Amino acid sequence: MAEHNALGKAGEDAAVAYLESHGYVIRHRNWRKGHLELDIIAAKNDELIVVEVKTRSDADIMQPEEAVDRQKIKHTVRAADTYIRFFQIDVPVRFDIVTVVGKPGNFKIEHIKEAFYPPIF
């Protein structure tokens, strides 16, 4: 596995552990349907939370959440809509970002709740 892929998996594992320790129930990880993918789908307090995870070894050049641009938001919302329809879910949905910065075993995790809202198409 390439080093950046290993870092990404370790970051996602850390994000899952963080969410679970804060009372979130993980429904799916890396859910795929065709070309659509969601990093983490969680539930808490009768709400569905779609979590985009961004892992970086450092944040000197750019903050990880800055990588969630307009195109990424549109793609994530489209994937979430497909997920909701596929599983026939009827609860409020929230879009969060979890940033993971550092090295495995020494990550700094930040949870940005309601990081973005679905754009109007």
C-alpha atoms as a PDB file:
ATOM      1  CA  MET A   1       0.000   0.000   0.000  1.00  0.00           C
ATOM      2  CA  ALA A   2       1.359   3.440  -0.928  1.00  0.00           C
ATOM      3  CA  GLU A   3       2.358   5.633   2.010  1.00  0.00           C
ATOM      4  CA  HIS A   4      -0.379   8.224   1.348  1.00  0.00           C
ATOM      5  CA  ASN A   5      -2.997   5.440   1.165  1.00  0.00           C
ATOM      6  CA  ALA A   6      -1.787   4.000   4.478  1.00  0.00           C
ATOM      7  CA  LEU A   7      -1.963   7.466   6.052  1.00  0.00           C
ATOM      8  CA  GLY A   8      -5.487   7.951   4.701  1.00  0.00           C
ATOM      9  CA  LYS A   9      -6.669   4.605   6.090  1.00  0.00           C
ATOM     10  CA  ALA A  10      -5.068   5.309   9.478  1.00  0.00           C
ATOM     11  CA  GLY A  11      -6.710   8.743   9.483  1.00  0.00           C
ATOM     12  CA  GLU A  12     -10.099   7.277   8.666  1.00  0.00           C
ATOM     13  CA  ASP A  13      -9.670   4.645  11.403  1.00  0.00           C
ATOM     14  CA  ALA A  14      -8.838   7.436  13.858  1.00  0.00           C
ATOM     15  CA  ALA A  15     -11.887   9.431  12.718  1.00  0.00           C
ATOM     16  CA  VAL A  16     -14.150   6.404  13.278  1.00  0.00           C
ATOM     17  CA  ALA A  17     -12.697   5.832  16.765  1.00  0.00           C
ATOM     18  CA  TYR A  18     -13.189   9.525  17.565  1.00  0.00           C
ATOM     19  CA  LEU A  19     -16.812   9.515  16.381  1.00  0.00           C
ATOM     20  CA  GLU A  20     -17.640   6.305  18.235  1.00  0.00           C
ATOM     21  CA  SER A  21     -16.107   7.711  21.436  1.00  0.00           C
ATOM     22  CA  HIS A  22     -18.465  10.674  21.078  1.00  0.00           C
ATOM     23  CA  GLY A  23     -21.607   8.549  20.787  1.00  0.00           C
ATOM     24  CA  TYR A  24     -21.925   8.199  17.009  1.00  0.00           C
ATOM     25  CA  VAL A  25     -23.025   4.876  15.543  1.00  0.00           C
ATOM     26  CA  ILE A  26     -21.158   4.067  12.338  1.00  0.00           C
ATOM     27  CA  ARG A  27     -23.577   2.767   9.700  1.00  0.00           C
ATOM     28  CA  HIS A  28     -21.087   2.415   6.840  1.00  0.00           C
ATOM     29  CA  ARG A  29     -17.489   3.169   5.897  1.00  0.00           C
ATOM     30  CA  ASN A  30     -16.400   3.779   2.312  1.00  0.00           C
ATOM     31  CA  TRP A  31     -19.910   3.171   1.004  1.00  0.00           C
ATOM     32  CA  ARG A  32     -19.927   2.917  -2.786  1.00  0.00           C
ATOM     33  CA  LYS A  33     -22.612   2.886  -5.436  1.00  0.00           C
ATOM     34  CA  GLY A  34     -21.221   3.088  -8.944  1.00  0.00           C
ATOM     35  CA  HIS A  35     -18.755   5.976  -9.050  1.00  0.00           C
ATOM     36  CA  LEU A  36     -20.198   7.557  -5.889  1.00  0.00           C
ATOM     37  CA  GLU A  37     -18.498   7.134  -2.505  1.00  0.00           C
ATOM     38  CA  LEU A  38     -19.005   8.355   1.049  1.00  0.00           C
ATOM     39  CA  ASP A  39     -16.220   8.099   3.644  1.00  0.00           C
ATOM     40  CA  ILE A  40     -18.323   7.580   6.778  1.00  0.00           C
ATOM     41  CA  ILE A  41     -22.063   7.484   7.343  1.00  0.00           C
ATOM     42  CA  ALA A  42     -22.989   7.745  10.997  1.00  0.00           C
ATOM     43  CA  ALA A  43     -26.094   8.227  13.107  1.00  0.00           C
ATOM     44  CA  LYS A  44     -26.721  10.091  16.337  1.00  0.00           C
ATOM     45  CA  ASN A  45     -29.836  11.573  17.939  1.00  0.00           C
ATOM     46  CA  ASP A  46     -32.156  10.504  15.085  1.00  0.00           C
ATOM     47  CA  GLU A  47     -29.964  12.258  12.543  1.00  0.00           C
ATOM     48  CA  LEU A  48     -27.907  10.868   9.663  1.00  0.00           C
ATOM     49  CA  ILE A  49     -24.406  12.334   9.535  1.00  0.00           C
ATOM     50  CA  VAL A  50     -22.378  12.134   6.337  1.00  0.00           C
ATOM     51  CA  VAL A  51     -18.720  12.602   7.241  1.00  0.00           C
ATOM     52  CA  GLU A  52     -15.973  13.558   4.822  1.00  0.00           C
ATOM     53  CA  VAL A  53     -12.566  12.663   6.274  1.00  0.00           C
ATOM     54  CA  LYS A  54      -9.470  14.624   5.264  1.00  0.00           C
ATOM     55  CA  THR A  55      -6.124  13.323   6.497  1.00  0.00           C
ATOM     56  CA  ARG A  56      -2.814  15.135   6.128  1.00  0.00           C
ATOM     57  CA  SER A  57       0.637  14.555   7.601  1.00  0.00           C
ATOM     58  CA  ASP A  58       0.833  18.296   8.274  1.00  0.00           C
ATOM     59  CA  ALA A  59      -1.260  21.395   7.698  1.00  0.00           C
ATOM     60  CA  ASP A  60       1.550  23.835   6.966  1.00  0.00           C
ATOM     61  CA  ILE A  61       0.562  24.546   3.371  1.00  0.00           C
ATOM     62  CA  MET A  62      -3.200  24.074   3.477  1.00  0.00           C
ATOM     63  CA  GLN A  63      -5.788  23.155   6.081  1.00  0.00           C
ATOM     64  CA  PRO A  64      -7.312  19.740   5.289  1.00  0.00           C
ATOM     65  CA  GLU A  65     -10.884  21.063   5.178  1.00  0.00           C
ATOM     66  CA  GLU A  66      -9.876  23.432   2.361  1.00  0.00           C
ATOM     67  CA  ALA A  67      -9.738  20.365   0.097  1.00  0.00           C
ATOM     68  CA  VAL A  68     -13.530  20.103   0.349  1.00  0.00           C
ATOM     69  CA  ASP A  69     -14.269  22.437  -2.530  1.00  0.00           C
ATOM     70  CA  ARG A  70     -17.503  23.125  -4.393  1.00  0.00           C
ATOM     71  CA  GLN A  71     -17.016  20.112  -6.698  1.00  0.00           C
ATOM     72  CA  LYS A  72     -16.361  17.773  -3.747  1.00  0.00           C
ATOM     73  CA  ILE A  73     -19.452  19.101  -1.966  1.00  0.00           C
ATOM     74  CA  LYS A  74     -21.625  18.476  -5.030  1.00  0.00           C
ATOM     75  CA  HIS A  75     -20.236  14.955  -5.385  1.00  0.00           C
ATOM     76  CA  THR A  76     -20.768  14.201  -1.675  1.00  0.00           C
ATOM     77  CA  VAL A  77     -24.333  15.521  -1.707  1.00  0.00           C
ATOM     78  CA  ARG A  78     -25.133  13.473  -4.809  1.00  0.00           C
ATOM     79  CA  ALA A  79     -23.716  10.340  -3.145  1.00  0.00           C
ATOM     80  CA  ALA A  80     -25.650  11.083   0.065  1.00  0.00           C
ATOM     81  CA  ASP A  81     -28.869  11.482  -1.904  1.00  0.00           C
ATOM     82  CA  THR A  82     -28.248   8.097  -3.543  1.00  0.00           C
ATOM     83  CA  TYR A  83     -27.532   6.528  -0.133  1.00  0.00           C
ATOM     84  CA  ILE A  84     -30.709   7.986   1.385  1.00  0.00           C
ATOM     85  CA  ARG A  85     -32.842   6.745  -1.508  1.00  0.00           C
ATOM     86  CA  PHE A  86     -31.165   3.329  -1.567  1.00  0.00           C
ATOM     87  CA  PHE A  87     -31.784   2.709   2.150  1.00  0.00           C
ATOM     88  CA  GLN A  88     -35.107   4.645   2.189  1.00  0.00           C
ATOM     89  CA  ILE A  89     -34.017   6.863   5.071  1.00  0.00           C
ATOM     90  CA  ASP A  90     -36.319   9.595   6.344  1.00  0.00           C
ATOM     91  CA  VAL A  91     -34.416  11.544   9.009  1.00  0.00           C
ATOM     92  CA  PRO A  92     -32.582  14.876   8.977  1.00  0.00           C
ATOM     93  CA  VAL A  93     -29.149  14.777   7.324  1.00  0.00           C
ATOM     94  CA  ARG A  94     -26.043  16.701   8.339  1.00  0.00           C
ATOM     95  CA  PHE A  95     -22.729  17.052   6.493  1.00  0.00           C
ATOM     96  CA  ASP A  96     -19.593  17.109   8.668  1.00  0.00           C
ATOM     97  CA  ILE A  97     -15.863  17.117   8.026  1.00  0.00           C
ATOM     98  CA  VAL A  98     -13.367  15.379  10.287  1.00  0.00           C
ATOM     99  CA  THR A  99      -9.780  16.520   9.796  1.00  0.00           C
ATOM    100  CA  VAL A 100      -6.933  14.289  10.900  1.00  0.00           C
ATOM    101  CA  VAL A 101      -3.450  15.809  10.952  1.00  0.00           C
ATOM    102  CA  GLY A 102      -0.183  14.169  11.959  1.00  0.00           C
ATOM    103  CA  LYS A 103       1.098  10.631  12.035  1.00  0.00           C
ATOM    104  CA  PRO A 104      -0.606   7.436  13.215  1.00  0.00           C
ATOM    105  CA  GLY A 105      -0.595   7.312  17.002  1.00  0.00           C
ATOM    106  CA  ASN A 106      -0.160  11.072  17.196  1.00  0.00           C
ATOM    107  CA  PHE A 107      -3.089  12.543  15.265  1.00  0.00           C
ATOM    108  CA  LYS A 108      -4.814  15.832  15.971  1.00  0.00           C
ATOM    109  CA  ILE A 109      -8.508  15.419  15.159  1.00  0.00           C
ATOM    110  CA  GLU A 110     -10.974  18.218  14.542  1.00  0.00           C
ATOM    111  CA  HIS A 111     -14.687  17.606  13.999  1.00  0.00           C
ATOM    112  CA  ILE A 112     -16.405  20.339  11.998  1.00  0.00           C
ATOM    113  CA  LYS A 113     -20.143  19.866  12.421  1.00  0.00           C
ATOM    114  CA  GLU A 114     -22.462  21.208   9.727  1.00  0.00           C
ATOM    115  CA  ALA A 115     -19.390  21.943   7.622  1.00  0.00           C
ATOM    116  CA  PHE A 116     -21.509  22.586   4.543  1.00  0.00           C
ATOM    117  CA  TYR A 117     -25.076  22.506   3.314  1.00  0.00           C
ATOM    118  CA  PRO A 118     -26.324  20.967   0.073  1.00  0.00           C
ATOM    119  CA  PRO A 119     -26.089  23.499  -2.740  1.00  0.00           C
ATOM    120  CA  ILE A 120     -29.171  24.349  -4.735  1.00  0.00           C
ATOM    121  CA  PHE A 121     -28.814  22.738  -8.165  1.00  0.00           C
END
